[in-house]
Amino acid sequence: MELLQVVDRKNEIRSMANPGAIKQRIAQAAQDLNRAGSMALHVELANEALTKFTLMLYQRDQDGGWANIDGRTYRLLVPAPWGSAGWRVWGLRNWESRILRSIMLERVQDTRRPCLFDYNGEARIWHLNVLDYGVIEAAQHYLQRSPITLAEWRKHDNAYRQRVQHVGTG
């Protein structure tokens, strides 16, 4: 049952034309999945939310200014899918957003490739990395080349479950 709920939530995030056909196709795929495929569906859901969120951040107002980020500091002005105010908005569960947040925080620290987002830990504020990804095409390229992977999700999911279990027993 949980697999079908994840599939339904992904479709809600996607909000594409002809949702009936998409829902039917994904529902059929979900029926064929075993427990191992469940985690892959959560990864798909997180990637979908991240993509839609990123597209929204690059929207411009009629005067050409940024609509959803601060034009001077590039601070996010709308709730992120991995934030405490955004997980519901983006169709995620709280635990999914916590795993996504952990992934995003790790990506910010990775020096091999600049992350699409930056985080100011002292102020607890997220920023769009417009310096490295100044146009939507660059951001889309990043998302295509660096999607959340199953291995990445599994690593952070395991860490999250250990923290929750430790808190529950401590």
N, C-alpha and C. Protein backbone atom coordinates (compact mmCIF):
# COMPACT_ATOMS: atom_id res chain seq x y z
N MET A 1 0.82 -1.19 0.00
CA MET A 1 0.00 0.00 0.00
C MET A 1 0.87 1.27 0.00
N GLU A 2 1.99 1.22 0.76
CA GLU A 2 2.86 2.39 0.83
C GLU A 2 3.43 2.76 -0.53
N LEU A 3 3.75 1.75 -1.34
CA LEU A 3 4.29 2.02 -2.68
C LEU A 3 3.30 2.82 -3.51
N LEU A 4 2.04 2.45 -3.46
CA LEU A 4 1.05 3.17 -4.24
C LEU A 4 0.88 4.60 -3.74
N GLN A 5 1.01 4.81 -2.43
CA GLN A 5 0.92 6.16 -1.88
C GLN A 5 2.08 7.02 -2.36
N VAL A 6 3.26 6.44 -2.41
CA VAL A 6 4.44 7.17 -2.91
C VAL A 6 4.24 7.54 -4.37
N VAL A 7 3.73 6.60 -5.13
CA VAL A 7 3.47 6.85 -6.55
C VAL A 7 2.45 7.97 -6.71
N ASP A 8 1.38 7.93 -5.93
CA ASP A 8 0.37 8.99 -6.00
C ASP A 8 0.97 10.34 -5.64
N ARG A 9 1.82 10.38 -4.63
CA ARG A 9 2.42 11.65 -4.22
C ARG A 9 3.37 12.17 -5.30
N LYS A 10 4.08 11.28 -5.98
CA LYS A 10 4.96 11.72 -7.05
C LYS A 10 4.15 12.37 -8.16
N ASN A 11 3.03 11.77 -8.49
CA ASN A 11 2.17 12.34 -9.53
C ASN A 11 1.62 13.70 -9.12
N GLU A 12 1.29 13.85 -7.86
CA GLU A 12 0.81 15.15 -7.40
C GLU A 12 1.89 16.21 -7.57
N ILE A 13 3.13 15.85 -7.27
CA ILE A 13 4.24 16.79 -7.42
C ILE A 13 4.44 17.12 -8.89
N ARG A 14 4.40 16.12 -9.70
CA ARG A 14 4.67 16.31 -11.12
C ARG A 14 3.62 17.18 -11.79
N SER A 15 2.34 16.97 -11.46
CA SER A 15 1.21 17.74 -12.01
C SER A 15 1.31 17.89 -13.53
N MET A 16 1.58 16.82 -14.18
CA MET A 16 1.71 16.85 -15.63
C MET A 16 0.35 16.68 -16.28
N ALA A 17 0.29 17.02 -17.56
CA ALA A 17 -0.91 16.76 -18.36
C ALA A 17 -1.11 15.25 -18.45
N ASN A 18 -2.34 14.84 -18.58
CA ASN A 18 -2.72 13.43 -18.70
C ASN A 18 -2.25 12.61 -17.49
N PRO A 19 -2.59 13.08 -16.26
CA PRO A 19 -2.12 12.36 -15.08
C PRO A 19 -2.67 10.94 -14.97
N GLY A 20 -3.81 10.66 -15.59
CA GLY A 20 -4.38 9.32 -15.53
C GLY A 20 -3.46 8.28 -16.14
N ALA A 21 -2.92 8.59 -17.30
CA ALA A 21 -2.03 7.65 -17.97
C ALA A 21 -0.75 7.44 -17.17
N ILE A 22 -0.23 8.52 -16.62
CA ILE A 22 1.01 8.42 -15.83
C ILE A 22 0.74 7.61 -14.57
N LYS A 23 -0.36 7.90 -13.90
CA LYS A 23 -0.70 7.19 -12.68
C LYS A 23 -0.86 5.70 -12.96
N GLN A 24 -1.52 5.37 -14.05
CA GLN A 24 -1.73 3.97 -14.41
C GLN A 24 -0.40 3.28 -14.70
N ARG A 25 0.48 3.96 -15.43
CA ARG A 25 1.77 3.37 -15.77
C ARG A 25 2.63 3.16 -14.52
N ILE A 26 2.66 4.15 -13.65
CA ILE A 26 3.47 4.03 -12.44
C ILE A 26 2.86 3.01 -11.47
N ALA A 27 1.54 2.98 -11.39
CA ALA A 27 0.88 2.00 -10.53
C ALA A 27 1.21 0.58 -10.99
N GLN A 28 1.23 0.37 -12.30
CA GLN A 28 1.58 -0.94 -12.83
C GLN A 28 3.02 -1.28 -12.47
N ALA A 29 3.90 -0.31 -12.61
CA ALA A 29 5.30 -0.55 -12.25
C ALA A 29 5.43 -0.83 -10.76
N ALA A 30 4.66 -0.14 -9.95
CA ALA A 30 4.72 -0.34 -8.50
C ALA A 30 4.27 -1.74 -8.12
N GLN A 31 3.31 -2.27 -8.85
CA GLN A 31 2.85 -3.63 -8.57
C GLN A 31 3.95 -4.65 -8.83
N ASP A 32 4.83 -4.34 -9.76
CA ASP A 32 5.90 -5.26 -10.10
C ASP A 32 7.10 -5.14 -9.17
N LEU A 33 7.10 -4.13 -8.33
CA LEU A 33 8.25 -3.91 -7.45
C LEU A 33 8.16 -4.77 -6.21
N ASN A 34 9.30 -5.15 -5.72
CA ASN A 34 9.35 -5.79 -4.42
C ASN A 34 9.81 -4.77 -3.40
N ARG A 35 10.09 -5.18 -2.23
CA ARG A 35 10.49 -4.24 -1.17
C ARG A 35 11.72 -3.44 -1.55
N ALA A 36 12.62 -4.04 -2.29
CA ALA A 36 13.84 -3.34 -2.70
C ALA A 36 13.52 -2.12 -3.56
N GLY A 37 12.46 -2.20 -4.34
CA GLY A 37 12.09 -1.08 -5.19
C GLY A 37 11.46 0.07 -4.44
N SER A 38 11.02 -0.17 -3.23
CA SER A 38 10.38 0.88 -2.43
C SER A 38 11.31 2.07 -2.23
N MET A 39 12.55 1.80 -1.91
CA MET A 39 13.49 2.88 -1.67
C MET A 39 13.74 3.67 -2.96
N ALA A 40 13.77 2.99 -4.08
CA ALA A 40 13.96 3.67 -5.37
C ALA A 40 12.80 4.64 -5.64
N LEU A 41 11.61 4.28 -5.23
CA LEU A 41 10.48 5.19 -5.42
C LEU A 41 10.62 6.45 -4.57
N HIS A 42 11.15 6.30 -3.37
CA HIS A 42 11.38 7.47 -2.53
C HIS A 42 12.45 8.38 -3.15
N VAL A 43 13.45 7.77 -3.77
CA VAL A 43 14.49 8.54 -4.47
C VAL A 43 13.86 9.31 -5.63
N GLU A 44 13.01 8.65 -6.39
CA GLU A 44 12.33 9.32 -7.50
C GLU A 44 11.49 10.49 -7.01
N LEU A 45 10.79 10.28 -5.94
CA LEU A 45 9.96 11.32 -5.35
C LEU A 45 10.80 12.52 -4.93
N ALA A 46 11.92 12.26 -4.27
CA ALA A 46 12.81 13.34 -3.84
C ALA A 46 13.38 14.09 -5.04
N ASN A 47 13.78 13.37 -6.08
CA ASN A 47 14.31 14.02 -7.28
C ASN A 47 13.25 14.86 -7.97
N GLU A 48 12.03 14.37 -7.99
CA GLU A 48 10.93 15.12 -8.60
C GLU A 48 10.68 16.42 -7.85
N ALA A 49 10.63 16.34 -6.53
CA ALA A 49 10.41 17.53 -5.71
C ALA A 49 11.57 18.52 -5.89
N LEU A 50 12.79 18.02 -5.91
CA LEU A 50 13.97 18.87 -6.09
C LEU A 50 13.95 19.57 -7.45
N THR A 51 13.55 18.85 -8.48
CA THR A 51 13.48 19.43 -9.82
C THR A 51 12.42 20.52 -9.90
N LYS A 52 11.23 20.23 -9.41
CA LYS A 52 10.14 21.22 -9.45
C LYS A 52 10.50 22.44 -8.62
N PHE A 53 11.10 22.23 -7.47
CA PHE A 53 11.52 23.33 -6.60
C PHE A 53 12.55 24.20 -7.31
N THR A 54 13.52 23.58 -7.95
CA THR A 54 14.56 24.33 -8.65
C THR A 54 13.97 25.15 -9.79
N LEU A 55 13.07 24.56 -10.56
CA LEU A 55 12.41 25.30 -11.64
C LEU A 55 11.70 26.53 -11.10
N MET A 56 11.05 26.38 -9.96
CA MET A 56 10.34 27.51 -9.37
C MET A 56 11.32 28.61 -8.93
N LEU A 57 12.47 28.22 -8.41
CA LEU A 57 13.43 29.22 -7.94
C LEU A 57 13.98 30.09 -9.07
N TYR A 58 14.05 29.55 -10.26
CA TYR A 58 14.59 30.31 -11.39
C TYR A 58 13.54 31.18 -12.08
N GLN A 59 12.32 31.17 -11.61
CA GLN A 59 11.29 32.02 -12.22
C GLN A 59 11.60 33.48 -11.96
N ARG A 60 11.26 34.29 -12.94
CA ARG A 60 11.49 35.73 -12.85
C ARG A 60 10.16 36.47 -12.83
N ASP A 61 10.17 37.63 -12.17
CA ASP A 61 9.00 38.51 -12.19
C ASP A 61 8.93 39.21 -13.54
N GLN A 62 7.85 39.94 -13.77
CA GLN A 62 7.68 40.64 -15.05
C GLN A 62 8.78 41.66 -15.30
N ASP A 63 9.36 42.20 -14.24
CA ASP A 63 10.44 43.18 -14.41
C ASP A 63 11.82 42.52 -14.56
N GLY A 64 11.86 41.19 -14.58
CA GLY A 64 13.13 40.48 -14.77
C GLY A 64 13.81 40.10 -13.47
N GLY A 65 13.32 40.58 -12.34
CA GLY A 65 13.92 40.23 -11.06
C GLY A 65 13.53 38.83 -10.61
N TRP A 66 14.31 38.30 -9.70
CA TRP A 66 14.03 36.97 -9.17
C TRP A 66 12.71 37.00 -8.40
N ALA A 67 11.88 36.00 -8.62
CA ALA A 67 10.58 35.95 -7.95
C ALA A 67 10.64 35.20 -6.62
N ASN A 68 11.50 34.19 -6.51
CA ASN A 68 11.47 33.30 -5.35
C ASN A 68 12.77 33.22 -4.57
N ILE A 69 13.72 34.05 -4.94
CA ILE A 69 14.96 34.19 -4.18
C ILE A 69 15.29 35.66 -4.05
N ASP A 70 16.03 36.01 -3.04
CA ASP A 70 16.46 37.39 -2.85
C ASP A 70 17.47 37.73 -3.95
N GLY A 71 17.22 38.80 -4.68
CA GLY A 71 18.07 39.17 -5.81
C GLY A 71 19.47 39.60 -5.45
N ARG A 72 19.69 39.95 -4.21
CA ARG A 72 21.01 40.40 -3.77
C ARG A 72 21.82 39.26 -3.14
N THR A 73 21.17 38.47 -2.27
CA THR A 73 21.88 37.41 -1.54
C THR A 73 21.59 36.01 -2.07
N TYR A 74 20.57 35.88 -2.91
CA TYR A 74 20.12 34.60 -3.48
C TYR A 74 19.55 33.65 -2.41
N ARG A 75 19.16 34.23 -1.28
CA ARG A 75 18.50 33.46 -0.20
C ARG A 75 17.15 32.97 -0.70
N LEU A 76 16.83 31.73 -0.37
CA LEU A 76 15.55 31.16 -0.77
C LEU A 76 14.43 31.88 -0.03
N LEU A 77 13.41 32.29 -0.77
CA LEU A 77 12.27 32.98 -0.18
C LEU A 77 11.04 32.08 -0.06
N VAL A 78 11.16 30.85 -0.52
CA VAL A 78 10.07 29.88 -0.45
C VAL A 78 10.59 28.63 0.26
N PRO A 79 9.69 27.90 0.91
CA PRO A 79 10.13 26.70 1.64
C PRO A 79 10.70 25.63 0.73
N ALA A 80 11.81 25.07 1.15
CA ALA A 80 12.48 24.00 0.41
C ALA A 80 11.85 22.65 0.75
N PRO A 81 11.91 21.69 -0.16
CA PRO A 81 11.35 20.37 0.12
C PRO A 81 12.00 19.68 1.32
N TRP A 82 13.22 20.05 1.65
CA TRP A 82 13.93 19.44 2.76
C TRP A 82 13.80 20.25 4.05
N GLY A 83 12.99 21.29 4.04
CA GLY A 83 12.84 22.13 5.22
C GLY A 83 11.61 21.78 6.05
N SER A 84 11.62 22.24 7.29
CA SER A 84 10.51 21.96 8.20
C SER A 84 9.22 22.62 7.73
N ALA A 85 9.33 23.70 6.97
CA ALA A 85 8.13 24.38 6.47
C ALA A 85 7.75 23.93 5.06
N GLY A 86 8.58 23.11 4.43
CA GLY A 86 8.34 22.79 3.04
C GLY A 86 7.98 21.36 2.69
N TRP A 87 8.25 20.43 3.58
CA TRP A 87 8.06 19.03 3.20
C TRP A 87 6.62 18.73 2.81
N ARG A 88 5.67 19.28 3.52
CA ARG A 88 4.25 19.04 3.17
C ARG A 88 3.91 19.69 1.83
N VAL A 89 4.40 20.92 1.65
CA VAL A 89 4.12 21.67 0.42
C VAL A 89 4.56 20.88 -0.80
N TRP A 90 5.68 20.20 -0.70
CA TRP A 90 6.26 19.49 -1.84
C TRP A 90 5.86 18.02 -1.89
N GLY A 91 4.92 17.62 -1.05
CA GLY A 91 4.39 16.27 -1.12
C GLY A 91 5.27 15.20 -0.52
N LEU A 92 6.20 15.60 0.33
CA LEU A 92 7.07 14.63 0.99
C LEU A 92 6.56 14.33 2.39
N ARG A 93 7.05 13.27 2.95
CA ARG A 93 6.83 12.96 4.36
C ARG A 93 7.96 13.60 5.14
N ASN A 94 7.73 13.81 6.42
CA ASN A 94 8.74 14.45 7.25
C ASN A 94 10.05 13.67 7.21
N TRP A 95 9.99 12.35 7.32
CA TRP A 95 11.22 11.56 7.33
C TRP A 95 11.93 11.63 5.98
N GLU A 96 11.18 11.74 4.89
CA GLU A 96 11.81 11.88 3.57
C GLU A 96 12.55 13.20 3.47
N SER A 97 11.93 14.24 4.01
CA SER A 97 12.58 15.56 3.95
C SER A 97 13.84 15.59 4.80
N ARG A 98 13.84 14.87 5.89
CA ARG A 98 15.04 14.82 6.75
C ARG A 98 16.18 14.11 6.04
N ILE A 99 15.85 13.06 5.32
CA ILE A 99 16.89 12.36 4.55
C ILE A 99 17.38 13.26 3.42
N LEU A 100 16.47 13.91 2.73
CA LEU A 100 16.86 14.83 1.64
C LEU A 100 17.72 15.96 2.19
N ARG A 101 17.37 16.50 3.35
CA ARG A 101 18.16 17.57 3.96
C ARG A 101 19.58 17.07 4.25
N SER A 102 19.69 15.88 4.79
CA SER A 102 21.01 15.31 5.09
C SER A 102 21.84 15.18 3.81
N ILE A 103 21.20 14.75 2.74
CA ILE A 103 21.89 14.64 1.45
C ILE A 103 22.34 16.01 0.97
N MET A 104 21.44 16.99 1.05
CA MET A 104 21.78 18.34 0.57
C MET A 104 22.92 18.93 1.40
N LEU A 105 22.91 18.73 2.71
CA LEU A 105 23.99 19.24 3.56
C LEU A 105 25.32 18.59 3.21
N GLU A 106 25.30 17.30 2.90
CA GLU A 106 26.53 16.62 2.50
C GLU A 106 27.02 17.16 1.16
N ARG A 107 26.10 17.40 0.25
CA ARG A 107 26.47 17.91 -1.07
C ARG A 107 27.09 19.31 -0.98
N VAL A 108 26.60 20.12 -0.08
CA VAL A 108 27.15 21.46 0.11
C VAL A 108 28.62 21.37 0.52
N GLN A 109 28.97 20.34 1.29
CA GLN A 109 30.34 20.17 1.78
C GLN A 109 31.29 19.57 0.74
N ASP A 110 30.73 18.95 -0.29
CA ASP A 110 31.53 18.27 -1.31
C ASP A 110 32.28 19.30 -2.16
N THR A 111 33.59 19.18 -2.18
CA THR A 111 34.41 20.16 -2.91
C THR A 111 34.69 19.74 -4.35
N ARG A 112 34.26 18.54 -4.74
CA ARG A 112 34.53 18.08 -6.11
C ARG A 112 33.70 18.84 -7.14
N ARG A 113 32.48 19.18 -6.78
CA ARG A 113 31.59 19.88 -7.69
C ARG A 113 30.70 20.80 -6.88
N PRO A 114 30.57 22.06 -7.29
CA PRO A 114 29.71 22.97 -6.52
C PRO A 114 28.27 22.48 -6.51
N CYS A 115 27.66 22.54 -5.35
CA CYS A 115 26.26 22.14 -5.20
C CYS A 115 25.36 23.23 -5.77
N LEU A 116 24.18 22.86 -6.15
CA LEU A 116 23.20 23.80 -6.68
C LEU A 116 22.73 24.77 -5.60
N PHE A 117 22.89 24.37 -4.35
CA PHE A 117 22.47 25.19 -3.22
C PHE A 117 23.65 25.39 -2.28
N ASP A 118 23.55 26.42 -1.46
CA ASP A 118 24.55 26.66 -0.44
C ASP A 118 23.82 26.86 0.87
N TYR A 119 24.50 26.58 1.98
CA TYR A 119 23.86 26.67 3.28
C TYR A 119 24.73 27.46 4.23
N ASN A 120 24.12 28.43 4.89
CA ASN A 120 24.78 29.19 5.94
C ASN A 120 24.33 28.59 7.26
N GLY A 121 25.20 27.78 7.86
CA GLY A 121 24.86 27.07 9.09
C GLY A 121 24.62 27.97 10.28
N GLU A 122 25.35 29.07 10.36
CA GLU A 122 25.16 29.98 11.49
C GLU A 122 23.79 30.63 11.46
N ALA A 123 23.38 31.08 10.29
CA ALA A 123 22.08 31.74 10.14
C ALA A 123 20.96 30.74 9.82
N ARG A 124 21.36 29.51 9.50
CA ARG A 124 20.41 28.46 9.12
C ARG A 124 19.56 28.90 7.93
N ILE A 125 20.27 29.38 6.89
CA ILE A 125 19.61 29.90 5.69
C ILE A 125 20.19 29.22 4.46
N TRP A 126 19.30 28.82 3.55
CA TRP A 126 19.71 28.23 2.29
C TRP A 126 19.72 29.28 1.19
N HIS A 127 20.67 29.13 0.27
CA HIS A 127 20.82 30.04 -0.86
C HIS A 127 20.90 29.22 -2.15
N LEU A 128 20.43 29.80 -3.23
CA LEU A 128 20.62 29.20 -4.55
C LEU A 128 22.01 29.60 -5.03
N ASN A 129 22.77 28.67 -5.55
CA ASN A 129 24.13 28.94 -6.02
C ASN A 129 24.07 29.52 -7.43
N VAL A 130 23.71 30.78 -7.50
CA VAL A 130 23.57 31.46 -8.79
C VAL A 130 24.93 31.78 -9.40
N LEU A 131 25.96 31.84 -8.58
CA LEU A 131 27.29 32.13 -9.11
C LEU A 131 27.78 31.00 -10.02
N ASP A 132 27.51 29.76 -9.64
CA ASP A 132 27.92 28.62 -10.47
C ASP A 132 26.83 28.16 -11.43
N TYR A 133 25.57 28.44 -11.09
CA TYR A 133 24.44 28.00 -11.90
C TYR A 133 23.51 29.19 -12.13
N GLY A 134 23.97 30.12 -12.96
CA GLY A 134 23.27 31.38 -13.15
C GLY A 134 22.01 31.33 -13.98
N VAL A 135 21.85 30.27 -14.77
CA VAL A 135 20.66 30.15 -15.61
C VAL A 135 20.04 28.78 -15.38
N ILE A 136 18.77 28.67 -15.68
CA ILE A 136 18.03 27.44 -15.44
C ILE A 136 18.66 26.25 -16.18
N GLU A 137 19.20 26.49 -17.35
CA GLU A 137 19.82 25.40 -18.11
C GLU A 137 21.00 24.79 -17.35
N ALA A 138 21.77 25.64 -16.69
CA ALA A 138 22.90 25.14 -15.89
C ALA A 138 22.39 24.33 -14.70
N ALA A 139 21.33 24.80 -14.09
CA ALA A 139 20.73 24.09 -12.96
C ALA A 139 20.16 22.74 -13.41
N GLN A 140 19.49 22.73 -14.55
CA GLN A 140 18.94 21.49 -15.07
C GLN A 140 20.05 20.50 -15.40
N HIS A 141 21.15 21.01 -15.94
CA HIS A 141 22.30 20.15 -16.24
C HIS A 141 22.82 19.52 -14.94
N TYR A 142 22.92 20.31 -13.89
CA TYR A 142 23.35 19.79 -12.59
C TYR A 142 22.41 18.68 -12.12
N LEU A 143 21.11 18.94 -12.19
CA LEU A 143 20.12 17.97 -11.73
C LEU A 143 20.16 16.68 -12.55
N GLN A 144 20.43 16.80 -13.85
CA GLN A 144 20.52 15.61 -14.71
C GLN A 144 21.78 14.82 -14.43
N ARG A 145 22.87 15.52 -14.20
CA ARG A 145 24.15 14.84 -13.97
C ARG A 145 24.35 14.40 -12.54
N SER A 146 23.63 15.04 -11.62
CA SER A 146 23.82 14.72 -10.19
C SER A 146 22.48 14.51 -9.47
N PRO A 147 21.66 13.60 -9.97
CA PRO A 147 20.42 13.35 -9.25
C PRO A 147 20.71 12.64 -7.92
N ILE A 148 19.76 12.68 -7.02
CA ILE A 148 19.89 11.90 -5.80
C ILE A 148 19.93 10.43 -6.26
N THR A 149 20.91 9.70 -5.78
CA THR A 149 21.06 8.31 -6.18
C THR A 149 20.52 7.37 -5.10
N LEU A 150 20.27 6.16 -5.50
CA LEU A 150 19.80 5.15 -4.55
C LEU A 150 20.84 4.91 -3.46
N ALA A 151 22.11 4.85 -3.84
CA ALA A 151 23.18 4.63 -2.86
C ALA A 151 23.24 5.79 -1.86
N GLU A 152 23.10 6.99 -2.36
CA GLU A 152 23.12 8.18 -1.51
C GLU A 152 21.93 8.14 -0.54
N TRP A 153 20.75 7.84 -1.08
CA TRP A 153 19.55 7.78 -0.25
C TRP A 153 19.69 6.69 0.82
N ARG A 154 20.16 5.53 0.41
CA ARG A 154 20.31 4.41 1.34
C ARG A 154 21.25 4.78 2.49
N LYS A 155 22.35 5.40 2.17
CA LYS A 155 23.32 5.81 3.19
C LYS A 155 22.67 6.74 4.21
N HIS A 156 21.96 7.74 3.74
CA HIS A 156 21.35 8.72 4.64
C HIS A 156 20.11 8.15 5.33
N ASP A 157 19.41 7.26 4.65
CA ASP A 157 18.26 6.59 5.26
C ASP A 157 18.72 5.73 6.43
N ASN A 158 19.79 4.98 6.24
CA ASN A 158 20.33 4.14 7.31
C ASN A 158 20.77 5.00 8.51
N ALA A 159 21.45 6.10 8.23
CA ALA A 159 21.88 6.99 9.31
C ALA A 159 20.68 7.59 10.04
N TYR A 160 19.66 7.97 9.29
CA TYR A 160 18.45 8.53 9.90
C TYR A 160 17.78 7.49 10.80
N ARG A 161 17.65 6.28 10.30
CA ARG A 161 16.98 5.22 11.08
C ARG A 161 17.78 4.88 12.34
N GLN A 162 19.10 4.93 12.26
CA GLN A 162 19.91 4.69 13.44
C GLN A 162 19.72 5.80 14.47
N ARG A 163 19.66 7.06 14.01
CA ARG A 163 19.42 8.19 14.93
C ARG A 163 18.06 8.05 15.61
N VAL A 164 17.05 7.74 14.82
CA VAL A 164 15.69 7.61 15.36
C VAL A 164 15.64 6.45 16.35
N GLN A 165 16.26 5.34 16.01
CA GLN A 165 16.27 4.18 16.89
C GLN A 165 17.02 4.49 18.19
N HIS A 166 18.14 5.20 18.06
CA HIS A 166 18.94 5.57 19.23
C HIS A 166 18.15 6.50 20.16
N VAL A 167 17.45 7.48 19.57
CA VAL A 167 16.64 8.40 20.37
C VAL A 167 15.50 7.65 21.05
N GLY A 168 14.92 6.70 20.32
CA GLY A 168 13.79 5.93 20.86
C GLY A 168 14.19 5.02 22.00
N THR A 169 15.45 4.57 22.01
CA THR A 169 15.89 3.65 23.07
C THR A 169 16.67 4.37 24.17
N GLY A 170 17.01 5.63 23.92
CA GLY A 170 17.86 6.33 24.88
C GLY A 170 17.15 7.07 25.88
